[in-house]
Amino acid sequence: DSTEIGLVAAGAGIPLVELTPQHASLEEAFMEVTRDAV
């Protein structure tokens, strides 16, 4: 997860420009949930 990645980077003195967990949009989630119901 992002917390562990950040801790590893901080411990090694590696600067992070971006650290973003990837979340599905509601549209993507809806398509996944209803995929087999169509």
All heavy atoms as atom14 arrays in JSON, in Angstrom:
{
  "sequence": "DSTEIGLVAAGAGIPLVELTPQHASLEEAFMEVTRDAV",
  "atom14_mask": [
    [1, 1, 1, 1, 1, 1, 1, 1, 0, 0, 0, 0, 0, 0],
    [1, 1, 1, 1, 1, 1, 0, 0, 0, 0, 0, 0, 0, 0],
    [1, 1, 1, 1, 1, 1, 1, 0, 0, 0, 0, 0, 0, 0],
    [1, 1, 1, 1, 1, 1, 1, 1, 1, 0, 0, 0, 0, 0],
    [1, 1, 1, 1, 1, 1, 1, 1, 0, 0, 0, 0, 0, 0],
    [1, 1, 1, 1, 0, 0, 0, 0, 0, 0, 0, 0, 0, 0],
    [1, 1, 1, 1, 1, 1, 1, 1, 0, 0, 0, 0, 0, 0],
    [1, 1, 1, 1, 1, 1, 1, 0, 0, 0, 0, 0, 0, 0],
    [1, 1, 1, 1, 1, 0, 0, 0, 0, 0, 0, 0, 0, 0],
    [1, 1, 1, 1, 1, 0, 0, 0, 0, 0, 0, 0, 0, 0],
    [1, 1, 1, 1, 0, 0, 0, 0, 0, 0, 0, 0, 0, 0],
    [1, 1, 1, 1, 1, 0, 0, 0, 0, 0, 0, 0, 0, 0],
    [1, 1, 1, 1, 0, 0, 0, 0, 0, 0, 0, 0, 0, 0],
    [1, 1, 1, 1, 1, 1, 1, 1, 0, 0, 0, 0, 0, 0],
    [1, 1, 1, 1, 1, 1, 1, 0, 0, 0, 0, 0, 0, 0],
    [1, 1, 1, 1, 1, 1, 1, 1, 0, 0, 0, 0, 0, 0],
    [1, 1, 1, 1, 1, 1, 1, 0, 0, 0, 0, 0, 0, 0],
    [1, 1, 1, 1, 1, 1, 1, 1, 1, 0, 0, 0, 0, 0],
    [1, 1, 1, 1, 1, 1, 1, 1, 0, 0, 0, 0, 0, 0],
    [1, 1, 1, 1, 1, 1, 1, 0, 0, 0, 0, 0, 0, 0],
    [1, 1, 1, 1, 1, 1, 1, 0, 0, 0, 0, 0, 0, 0],
    [1, 1, 1, 1, 1, 1, 1, 1, 1, 0, 0, 0, 0, 0],
    [1, 1, 1, 1, 1, 1, 1, 1, 1, 1, 0, 0, 0, 0],
    [1, 1, 1, 1, 1, 0, 0, 0, 0, 0, 0, 0, 0, 0],
    [1, 1, 1, 1, 1, 1, 0, 0, 0, 0, 0, 0, 0, 0],
    [1, 1, 1, 1, 1, 1, 1, 1, 0, 0, 0, 0, 0, 0],
    [1, 1, 1, 1, 1, 1, 1, 1, 1, 0, 0, 0, 0, 0],
    [1, 1, 1, 1, 1, 1, 1, 1, 1, 0, 0, 0, 0, 0],
    [1, 1, 1, 1, 1, 0, 0, 0, 0, 0, 0, 0, 0, 0],
    [1, 1, 1, 1, 1, 1, 1, 1, 1, 1, 1, 0, 0, 0],
    [1, 1, 1, 1, 1, 1, 1, 1, 0, 0, 0, 0, 0, 0],
    [1, 1, 1, 1, 1, 1, 1, 1, 1, 0, 0, 0, 0, 0],
    [1, 1, 1, 1, 1, 1, 1, 0, 0, 0, 0, 0, 0, 0],
    [1, 1, 1, 1, 1, 1, 1, 0, 0, 0, 0, 0, 0, 0],
    [1, 1, 1, 1, 1, 1, 1, 1, 1, 1, 1, 0, 0, 0],
    [1, 1, 1, 1, 1, 1, 1, 1, 0, 0, 0, 0, 0, 0],
    [1, 1, 1, 1, 1, 0, 0, 0, 0, 0, 0, 0, 0, 0],
    [1, 1, 1, 1, 1, 1, 1, 0, 0, 0, 0, 0, 0, 0]
  ],
  "atom14_positions": [
    [[0.82, -1.21, 0.0], [0.0, 0.0, 0.0], [0.85, 1.26, 0.0], [2.09, 1.22, 0.14], [-0.98, 0.0, 1.18], [-0.29, 0.04, 2.54], [0.87, 0.47, 2.63], [-0.94, -0.38, 3.53], [0.0, 0.0, 0.0], [0.0, 0.0, 0.0], [0.0, 0.0, 0.0], [0.0, 0.0, 0.0], [0.0, 0.0, 0.0], [0.0, 0.0, 0.0]],
    [[0.19, 2.41, -0.16], [0.89, 3.69, -0.31], [1.65, 4.08, 0.95], [2.73, 4.69, 0.87], [-0.09, 4.8, -0.68], [-1.12, 4.91, 0.29], [0.0, 0.0, 0.0], [0.0, 0.0, 0.0], [0.0, 0.0, 0.0], [0.0, 0.0, 0.0], [0.0, 0.0, 0.0], [0.0, 0.0, 0.0], [0.0, 0.0, 0.0], [0.0, 0.0, 0.0]],
    [[1.12, 3.71, 2.12], [1.81, 4.05, 3.37], [3.17, 3.36, 3.45], [4.19, 3.99, 3.78], [0.95, 3.64, 4.58], [-0.29, 4.34, 4.54], [1.67, 3.95, 5.88], [0.0, 0.0, 0.0], [0.0, 0.0, 0.0], [0.0, 0.0, 0.0], [0.0, 0.0, 0.0], [0.0, 0.0, 0.0], [0.0, 0.0, 0.0], [0.0, 0.0, 0.0]],
    [[3.2, 2.08, 3.13], [4.46, 1.34, 3.2], [5.45, 1.84, 2.16], [6.66, 1.94, 2.42], [4.19, -0.15, 3.02], [5.4, -1.02, 3.38], [5.04, -2.49, 3.46], [3.84, -2.82, 3.41], [5.97, -3.3, 3.6], [0.0, 0.0, 0.0], [0.0, 0.0, 0.0], [0.0, 0.0, 0.0], [0.0, 0.0, 0.0], [0.0, 0.0, 0.0]],
    [[4.94, 2.17, 0.97], [5.82, 2.71, -0.07], [6.44, 4.01, 0.4], [7.65, 4.25, 0.24], [5.03, 2.92, -1.38], [4.6, 1.59, -1.97], [5.88, 3.7, -2.4], [3.64, 1.72, -3.13], [0.0, 0.0, 0.0], [0.0, 0.0, 0.0], [0.0, 0.0, 0.0], [0.0, 0.0, 0.0], [0.0, 0.0, 0.0], [0.0, 0.0, 0.0]],
    [[5.63, 4.87, 0.99], [6.14, 6.15, 1.49], [7.19, 5.97, 2.57], [8.21, 6.69, 2.6], [0.0, 0.0, 0.0], [0.0, 0.0, 0.0], [0.0, 0.0, 0.0], [0.0, 0.0, 0.0], [0.0, 0.0, 0.0], [0.0, 0.0, 0.0], [0.0, 0.0, 0.0], [0.0, 0.0, 0.0], [0.0, 0.0, 0.0], [0.0, 0.0, 0.0]],
    [[6.97, 5.0, 3.46], [7.94, 4.76, 4.53], [9.26, 4.23, 3.97], [10.35, 4.63, 4.43], [7.35, 3.76, 5.54], [6.2, 4.29, 6.4], [5.59, 3.16, 7.23], [6.68, 5.43, 7.29], [0.0, 0.0, 0.0], [0.0, 0.0, 0.0], [0.0, 0.0, 0.0], [0.0, 0.0, 0.0], [0.0, 0.0, 0.0], [0.0, 0.0, 0.0]],
    [[9.18, 3.34, 2.98], [10.4, 2.81, 2.35], [11.17, 3.94, 1.68], [12.41, 4.06, 1.82], [10.06, 1.7, 1.33], [11.29, 1.34, 0.51], [9.51, 0.48, 2.06], [0.0, 0.0, 0.0], [0.0, 0.0, 0.0], [0.0, 0.0, 0.0], [0.0, 0.0, 0.0], [0.0, 0.0, 0.0], [0.0, 0.0, 0.0], [0.0, 0.0, 0.0]],
    [[10.47, 4.79, 0.95], [11.12, 5.89, 0.25], [11.74, 6.87, 1.24], [12.89, 7.33, 1.06], [10.11, 6.61, -0.64], [0.0, 0.0, 0.0], [0.0, 0.0, 0.0], [0.0, 0.0, 0.0], [0.0, 0.0, 0.0], [0.0, 0.0, 0.0], [0.0, 0.0, 0.0], [0.0, 0.0, 0.0], [0.0, 0.0, 0.0], [0.0, 0.0, 0.0]],
    [[11.03, 7.18, 2.31], [11.55, 8.13, 3.31], [12.79, 7.56, 3.99], [13.78, 8.28, 4.23], [10.47, 8.44, 4.34], [0.0, 0.0, 0.0], [0.0, 0.0, 0.0], [0.0, 0.0, 0.0], [0.0, 0.0, 0.0], [0.0, 0.0, 0.0], [0.0, 0.0, 0.0], [0.0, 0.0, 0.0], [0.0, 0.0, 0.0], [0.0, 0.0, 0.0]],
    [[12.75, 6.25, 4.3], [13.9, 5.63, 4.96], [15.15, 5.64, 4.1], [16.27, 5.66, 4.63], [0.0, 0.0, 0.0], [0.0, 0.0, 0.0], [0.0, 0.0, 0.0], [0.0, 0.0, 0.0], [0.0, 0.0, 0.0], [0.0, 0.0, 0.0], [0.0, 0.0, 0.0], [0.0, 0.0, 0.0], [0.0, 0.0, 0.0], [0.0, 0.0, 0.0]],
    [[14.95, 5.63, 2.78], [16.11, 5.63, 1.87], [16.44, 7.03, 1.37], [17.36, 7.18, 0.54], [15.81, 4.72, 0.68], [0.0, 0.0, 0.0], [0.0, 0.0, 0.0], [0.0, 0.0, 0.0], [0.0, 0.0, 0.0], [0.0, 0.0, 0.0], [0.0, 0.0, 0.0], [0.0, 0.0, 0.0], [0.0, 0.0, 0.0], [0.0, 0.0, 0.0]],
    [[15.71, 8.03, 1.84], [15.98, 9.4, 1.4], [15.61, 9.66, -0.05], [16.19, 10.52, -0.7], [0.0, 0.0, 0.0], [0.0, 0.0, 0.0], [0.0, 0.0, 0.0], [0.0, 0.0, 0.0], [0.0, 0.0, 0.0], [0.0, 0.0, 0.0], [0.0, 0.0, 0.0], [0.0, 0.0, 0.0], [0.0, 0.0, 0.0], [0.0, 0.0, 0.0]],
    [[14.61, 8.93, -0.54], [14.18, 9.08, -1.94], [12.99, 10.03, -1.99], [11.95, 9.78, -1.38], [13.79, 7.72, -2.55], [15.0, 6.79, -2.59], [13.2, 7.9, -3.95], [14.66, 5.38, -3.07], [0.0, 0.0, 0.0], [0.0, 0.0, 0.0], [0.0, 0.0, 0.0], [0.0, 0.0, 0.0], [0.0, 0.0, 0.0], [0.0, 0.0, 0.0]],
    [[13.12, 11.15, -2.71], [12.0, 12.09, -2.81], [10.89, 11.53, -3.72], [11.18, 10.91, -4.74], [12.63, 13.34, -3.44], [13.78, 12.82, -4.22], [14.3, 11.61, -3.47], [0.0, 0.0, 0.0], [0.0, 0.0, 0.0], [0.0, 0.0, 0.0], [0.0, 0.0, 0.0], [0.0, 0.0, 0.0], [0.0, 0.0, 0.0], [0.0, 0.0, 0.0]],
    [[9.66, 11.76, -3.31], [8.51, 11.33, -4.11], [7.78, 12.55, -4.64], [7.4, 13.44, -3.87], [7.55, 10.49, -3.27], [8.1, 9.18, -2.69], [7.01, 8.47, -1.9], [8.64, 8.28, -3.79], [0.0, 0.0, 0.0], [0.0, 0.0, 0.0], [0.0, 0.0, 0.0], [0.0, 0.0, 0.0], [0.0, 0.0, 0.0], [0.0, 0.0, 0.0]],
    [[7.59, 12.59, -5.93], [6.83, 13.66, -6.55], [5.34, 13.35, -6.51], [4.49, 14.24, -6.42], [7.3, 13.87, -8.01], [6.49, 14.97, -8.7], [8.78, 14.2, -8.05], [0.0, 0.0, 0.0], [0.0, 0.0, 0.0], [0.0, 0.0, 0.0], [0.0, 0.0, 0.0], [0.0, 0.0, 0.0], [0.0, 0.0, 0.0], [0.0, 0.0, 0.0]],
    [[5.0, 12.05, -6.56], [3.6, 11.63, -6.52], [3.49, 10.27, -5.85], [4.32, 9.39, -6.07], [3.01, 11.57, -7.93], [1.54, 11.17, -7.97], [0.97, 11.15, -9.37], [1.72, 11.45, -10.32], [-0.23, 10.83, -9.52], [0.0, 0.0, 0.0], [0.0, 0.0, 0.0], [0.0, 0.0, 0.0], [0.0, 0.0, 0.0], [0.0, 0.0, 0.0]],
    [[2.45, 10.13, -5.03], [2.16, 8.85, -4.38], [0.63, 8.74, -4.29], [0.02, 9.29, -3.39], [2.79, 8.79, -2.99], [2.61, 7.49, -2.19], [3.29, 6.32, -2.89], [3.16, 7.65, -0.77], [0.0, 0.0, 0.0], [0.0, 0.0, 0.0], [0.0, 0.0, 0.0], [0.0, 0.0, 0.0], [0.0, 0.0, 0.0], [0.0, 0.0, 0.0]],
    [[0.03, 8.05, -5.25], [-1.42, 8.08, -5.41], [-2.02, 6.68, -5.5], [-1.76, 5.98, -6.5], [-1.81, 8.87, -6.68], [-1.16, 10.13, -6.7], [-3.32, 9.05, -6.74], [0.0, 0.0, 0.0], [0.0, 0.0, 0.0], [0.0, 0.0, 0.0], [0.0, 0.0, 0.0], [0.0, 0.0, 0.0], [0.0, 0.0, 0.0], [0.0, 0.0, 0.0]],
    [[-2.8, 6.28, -4.5], [-3.55, 5.02, -4.65], [-4.54, 5.16, -5.8], [-5.18, 6.21, -5.97], [-4.28, 4.87, -3.31], [-3.54, 5.76, -2.36], [-3.02, 6.89, -3.18], [0.0, 0.0, 0.0], [0.0, 0.0, 0.0], [0.0, 0.0, 0.0], [0.0, 0.0, 0.0], [0.0, 0.0, 0.0], [0.0, 0.0, 0.0], [0.0, 0.0, 0.0]],
    [[-4.68, 4.13, -6.61], [-5.56, 4.17, -7.77], [-6.94, 3.66, -7.39], [-7.08, 2.5, -6.99], [-4.98, 3.33, -8.91], [-3.61, 3.8, -9.38], [-3.65, 5.21, -9.95], [-4.18, 5.44, -11.04], [-3.1, 6.15, -9.22], [0.0, 0.0, 0.0], [0.0, 0.0, 0.0], [0.0, 0.0, 0.0], [0.0, 0.0, 0.0], [0.0, 0.0, 0.0]],
    [[-7.94, 4.53, -7.52], [-9.31, 4.16, -7.18], [-10.16, 4.14, -8.45], [-10.02, 5.0, -9.32], [-9.92, 5.16, -6.2], [-9.21, 5.22, -4.88], [-9.14, 4.14, -4.02], [-8.52, 6.22, -4.27], [-8.46, 4.48, -2.94], [-8.07, 5.73, -3.07], [0.0, 0.0, 0.0], [0.0, 0.0, 0.0], [0.0, 0.0, 0.0], [0.0, 0.0, 0.0]],
    [[-11.06, 3.19, -8.53], [-11.97, 3.13, -9.66], [-12.99, 4.26, -9.55], [-13.37, 4.68, -8.46], [-12.71, 1.79, -9.67], [0.0, 0.0, 0.0], [0.0, 0.0, 0.0], [0.0, 0.0, 0.0], [0.0, 0.0, 0.0], [0.0, 0.0, 0.0], [0.0, 0.0, 0.0], [0.0, 0.0, 0.0], [0.0, 0.0, 0.0], [0.0, 0.0, 0.0]],
    [[-13.4, 4.8, -10.69], [-14.5, 5.76, -10.7], [-15.8, 5.01, -10.46], [-15.86, 3.77, -10.57], [-14.55, 6.49, -12.04], [-14.92, 5.57, -13.08], [0.0, 0.0, 0.0], [0.0, 0.0, 0.0], [0.0, 0.0, 0.0], [0.0, 0.0, 0.0], [0.0, 0.0, 0.0], [0.0, 0.0, 0.0], [0.0, 0.0, 0.0], [0.0, 0.0, 0.0]],
    [[-16.86, 5.75, -10.14], [-18.16, 5.09, -9.95], [-18.6, 4.41, -11.25], [-19.18, 3.33, -11.21], [-19.2, 6.1, -9.5], [-20.61, 5.53, -9.26], [-20.58, 4.4, -8.24], [-21.57, 6.64, -8.82], [0.0, 0.0, 0.0], [0.0, 0.0, 0.0], [0.0, 0.0, 0.0], [0.0, 0.0, 0.0], [0.0, 0.0, 0.0], [0.0, 0.0, 0.0]],
    [[-18.31, 5.03, -12.38], [-18.68, 4.42, -13.65], [-17.96, 3.08, -13.84], [-18.58, 2.09, -14.26], [-18.34, 5.36, -14.81], [-18.73, 4.8, -16.17], [-18.47, 5.78, -17.3], [-17.65, 6.7, -17.12], [-19.08, 5.62, -18.36], [0.0, 0.0, 0.0], [0.0, 0.0, 0.0], [0.0, 0.0, 0.0], [0.0, 0.0, 0.0], [0.0, 0.0, 0.0]],
    [[-16.67, 3.05, -13.54], [-15.92, 1.8, -13.66], [-16.45, 0.75, -12.69], [-16.58, -0.43, -13.05], [-14.43, 2.06, -13.39], [-13.75, 2.88, -14.49], [-12.36, 3.33, -14.08], [-12.13, 3.55, -12.87], [-11.51, 3.48, -14.98], [0.0, 0.0, 0.0], [0.0, 0.0, 0.0], [0.0, 0.0, 0.0], [0.0, 0.0, 0.0], [0.0, 0.0, 0.0]],
    [[-16.77, 1.18, -11.46], [-17.3, 0.25, -10.48], [-18.66, -0.29, -10.91], [-18.94, -1.49, -10.78], [-17.41, 0.93, -9.11], [0.0, 0.0, 0.0], [0.0, 0.0, 0.0], [0.0, 0.0, 0.0], [0.0, 0.0, 0.0], [0.0, 0.0, 0.0], [0.0, 0.0, 0.0], [0.0, 0.0, 0.0], [0.0, 0.0, 0.0], [0.0, 0.0, 0.0]],
    [[-19.5, 0.59, -11.43], [-20.82, 0.18, -11.9], [-20.7, -0.84, -13.04], [-21.4, -1.86, -13.05], [-21.6, 1.4, -12.37], [-22.9, 1.07, -13.06], [-24.01, 0.7, -12.33], [-23.01, 1.15, -14.44], [-25.21, 0.39, -12.95], [-24.19, 0.84, -15.08], [-25.3, 0.47, -14.33], [0.0, 0.0, 0.0], [0.0, 0.0, 0.0], [0.0, 0.0, 0.0]],
    [[-19.81, -0.58, -13.97], [-19.64, -1.5, -15.09], [-19.14, -2.86, -14.61], [-19.56, -3.91, -15.13], [-18.66, -0.91, -16.11], [-19.15, 0.36, -16.78], [-20.68, 0.12, -17.71], [-20.08, -0.88, -19.06], [0.0, 0.0, 0.0], [0.0, 0.0, 0.0], [0.0, 0.0, 0.0], [0.0, 0.0, 0.0], [0.0, 0.0, 0.0], [0.0, 0.0, 0.0]],
    [[-18.28, -2.85, -13.6], [-17.76, -4.11, -13.06], [-18.86, -4.88, -12.33], [-19.02, -6.1, -12.51], [-16.6, -3.82, -12.1], [-16.03, -5.04, -11.41], [-15.36, -6.02, -12.38], [-14.96, -5.6, -13.49], [-15.26, -7.21, -12.03], [0.0, 0.0, 0.0], [0.0, 0.0, 0.0], [0.0, 0.0, 0.0], [0.0, 0.0, 0.0], [0.0, 0.0, 0.0]],
    [[-19.65, -4.16, -11.53], [-20.69, -4.81, -10.74], [-21.79, -5.39, -11.63], [-22.31, -6.48, -11.37], [-21.3, -3.81, -9.73], [-22.56, -4.37, -9.09], [-20.28, -3.47, -8.66], [0.0, 0.0, 0.0], [0.0, 0.0, 0.0], [0.0, 0.0, 0.0], [0.0, 0.0, 0.0], [0.0, 0.0, 0.0], [0.0, 0.0, 0.0], [0.0, 0.0, 0.0]],
    [[-22.16, -4.66, -12.69], [-23.29, -5.08, -13.52], [-22.86, -5.86, -14.76], [-23.71, -6.27, -15.55], [-24.11, -3.86, -13.97], [-23.27, -2.98, -14.75], [-24.65, -3.11, -12.76], [0.0, 0.0, 0.0], [0.0, 0.0, 0.0], [0.0, 0.0, 0.0], [0.0, 0.0, 0.0], [0.0, 0.0, 0.0], [0.0, 0.0, 0.0], [0.0, 0.0, 0.0]],
    [[-21.58, -6.09, -14.92], [-21.06, -6.73, -16.14], [-21.76, -8.04, -16.45], [-22.18, -8.29, -17.58], [-19.55, -6.96, -15.99], [-18.9, -7.77, -17.1], [-17.38, -7.78, -16.92], [-16.99, -8.11, -15.57], [-16.84, -9.34, -15.1], [-17.05, -10.37, -15.9], [-16.47, -9.56, -13.86], [0.0, 0.0, 0.0], [0.0, 0.0, 0.0], [0.0, 0.0, 0.0]],
    [[-21.93, -8.88, -15.46], [-22.53, -10.18, -15.68], [-24.06, -10.17, -15.56], [-24.7, -11.21, -15.7], [-21.97, -11.2, -14.68], [-20.49, -11.47, -14.93], [-20.07, -11.36, -16.1], [-19.78, -11.78, -13.97], [0.0, 0.0, 0.0], [0.0, 0.0, 0.0], [0.0, 0.0, 0.0], [0.0, 0.0, 0.0], [0.0, 0.0, 0.0], [0.0, 0.0, 0.0]],
    [[-24.62, -8.99, -15.26], [-26.08, -8.9, -15.12], [-26.73, -8.33, -16.37], [-27.94, -8.16, -16.41], [-26.44, -8.04, -13.92], [0.0, 0.0, 0.0], [0.0, 0.0, 0.0], [0.0, 0.0, 0.0], [0.0, 0.0, 0.0], [0.0, 0.0, 0.0], [0.0, 0.0, 0.0], [0.0, 0.0, 0.0], [0.0, 0.0, 0.0], [0.0, 0.0, 0.0]],
    [[-25.94, -8.03, -17.38], [-26.48, -7.45, -18.6], [-26.87, -8.51, -19.59], [-27.94, -8.51, -20.18], [-25.47, -6.47, -19.23], [-26.02, -5.91, -20.53], [-25.15, -5.34, -18.27], [0.0, 0.0, 0.0], [0.0, 0.0, 0.0], [0.0, 0.0, 0.0], [0.0, 0.0, 0.0], [0.0, 0.0, 0.0], [0.0, 0.0, 0.0], [0.0, 0.0, 0.0]]
  ]
}
